[in-house]
């Protein structure tokens, strides 16, 4: 779902984007209760903290998504092709 986030475009052409992230790092501050999820390459973070207003509106949960989980599941199901049990052999005509 991370790659479905709608985030800001990088200012530099060579800069990593959300789609380039291969890991999502999750950190919870046990003192403040703040939760952050950050992409390992893009550095894009989203977070949630009901006790603070330090995050901007663009970074608060719920996050904006390009597609939801059920849409991705439906796409995956429509892309699966049935597997044939045996190859078709044409009879030879003499």
Protein backbone atom coordinates (compact mmCIF):
# COMPACT_ATOMS: atom_id res chain seq x y z
CA UNK A 1 0.00 0.00 0.00
CA UNK A 2 2.96 2.36 0.57
CA UNK A 3 3.49 2.78 -3.17
CA UNK A 4 -0.13 3.88 -3.52
CA UNK A 5 0.48 7.00 -1.43
CA UNK A 6 -0.03 10.29 -3.19
CA UNK A 7 2.98 12.34 -2.16
CA UNK A 8 4.85 15.41 -3.29
CA UNK A 9 6.96 15.17 -6.45
CA UNK A 10 10.70 15.39 -5.77
CA UNK A 11 12.33 18.70 -6.69
CA UNK A 12 15.33 17.01 -8.33
CA UNK A 13 14.92 14.61 -11.26
CA UNK A 14 17.31 12.05 -9.76
CA UNK A 15 15.76 12.10 -6.29
CA UNK A 16 14.05 8.94 -5.01
CA UNK A 17 10.25 8.86 -5.10
CA UNK A 18 7.78 6.93 -2.97
CA UNK A 19 7.63 4.22 -5.66
CA UNK A 20 11.39 3.69 -5.23
CA UNK A 21 11.11 2.80 -1.53
CA UNK A 22 11.83 -0.85 -0.82
CA UNK A 23 11.23 -0.63 2.95
CA UNK A 24 8.94 1.34 5.22
CA UNK A 25 10.48 2.23 8.55
CA UNK A 26 7.99 2.51 11.42
CA UNK A 27 8.89 4.29 14.64
CA UNK A 28 6.80 4.86 17.76
CA UNK A 29 7.80 7.32 20.43
CA UNK A 30 6.74 5.66 23.67
CA UNK A 31 6.87 8.96 25.56
CA UNK A 32 4.76 11.08 23.21
CA UNK A 33 2.77 8.38 21.39
CA UNK A 34 3.80 9.69 17.98
CA UNK A 35 3.82 7.11 15.19
CA UNK A 36 5.74 7.70 11.96
CA UNK A 37 6.15 5.65 8.81
CA UNK A 38 8.96 6.69 6.49
CA UNK A 39 10.20 5.39 3.15
CA UNK A 40 13.81 4.24 3.23
CA UNK A 41 14.86 5.97 -0.02
CA UNK A 42 12.37 8.80 -0.55
CA UNK A 43 12.47 9.98 3.05
CA UNK A 44 8.74 10.69 2.76
CA UNK A 45 7.07 10.29 6.15
CA UNK A 46 3.51 10.13 7.33
CA UNK A 47 2.55 10.11 10.95
CA UNK A 48 -0.10 10.33 13.54
CA UNK A 49 -0.13 11.76 17.02
CA UNK A 50 -3.42 12.55 18.70
CA UNK A 51 -1.58 14.51 21.42
CA UNK A 52 0.27 16.94 19.18
CA UNK A 53 -0.24 19.18 16.17
CA UNK A 54 3.42 19.21 15.00
CA UNK A 55 2.70 17.41 11.72
CA UNK A 56 1.26 19.26 8.74
CA UNK A 57 -2.14 18.32 7.35
CA UNK A 58 -0.50 16.55 4.38
CA UNK A 59 1.24 14.14 6.76
CA UNK A 60 -1.64 13.22 9.05
CA UNK A 61 -3.56 9.97 8.86
CA UNK A 62 -5.67 8.97 7.07
CA UNK A 63 -3.32 9.14 4.09
CA UNK A 64 -4.50 9.83 0.54
CA UNK A 65 -4.17 6.74 -1.67
CA UNK A 66 -4.18 6.39 -5.44
CA UNK A 67 -5.81 2.93 -5.05
CA UNK A 68 -7.29 1.07 -2.09
CA UNK A 69 -6.46 -2.52 -1.05
CA UNK A 70 -9.68 -3.97 -2.49
CA UNK A 71 -8.95 -2.30 -5.86
CA UNK A 72 -5.46 -3.83 -5.93
CA UNK A 73 -6.89 -7.23 -4.98
CA UNK A 74 -9.48 -7.01 -7.79
CA UNK A 75 -6.75 -6.09 -10.29
CA UNK A 76 -4.61 -9.01 -9.16
CA UNK A 77 -7.55 -11.42 -9.55
CA UNK A 78 -8.35 -10.15 -13.05
CA UNK A 79 -4.71 -10.60 -14.09
CA UNK A 80 -4.56 -14.28 -13.12
CA UNK A 81 -4.90 -16.63 -16.07
CA UNK A 82 -6.18 -20.21 -15.83
CA UNK A 83 -3.51 -22.85 -16.22
CA UNK A 84 -4.17 -25.54 -18.82
CA UNK A 85 -3.85 -29.09 -17.48
CA UNK A 86 -2.31 -30.54 -20.64
CA UNK A 87 -1.05 -29.19 -23.94
CA UNK A 88 -3.34 -29.52 -26.95
CA UNK A 89 -2.12 -31.99 -29.57
CA UNK A 90 -3.55 -31.84 -33.08
CA UNK A 91 -4.10 -35.26 -34.72
CA UNK A 92 -2.07 -35.94 -37.85
CA UNK A 93 -4.09 -36.44 -41.01
CA UNK A 94 -2.66 -38.92 -43.58
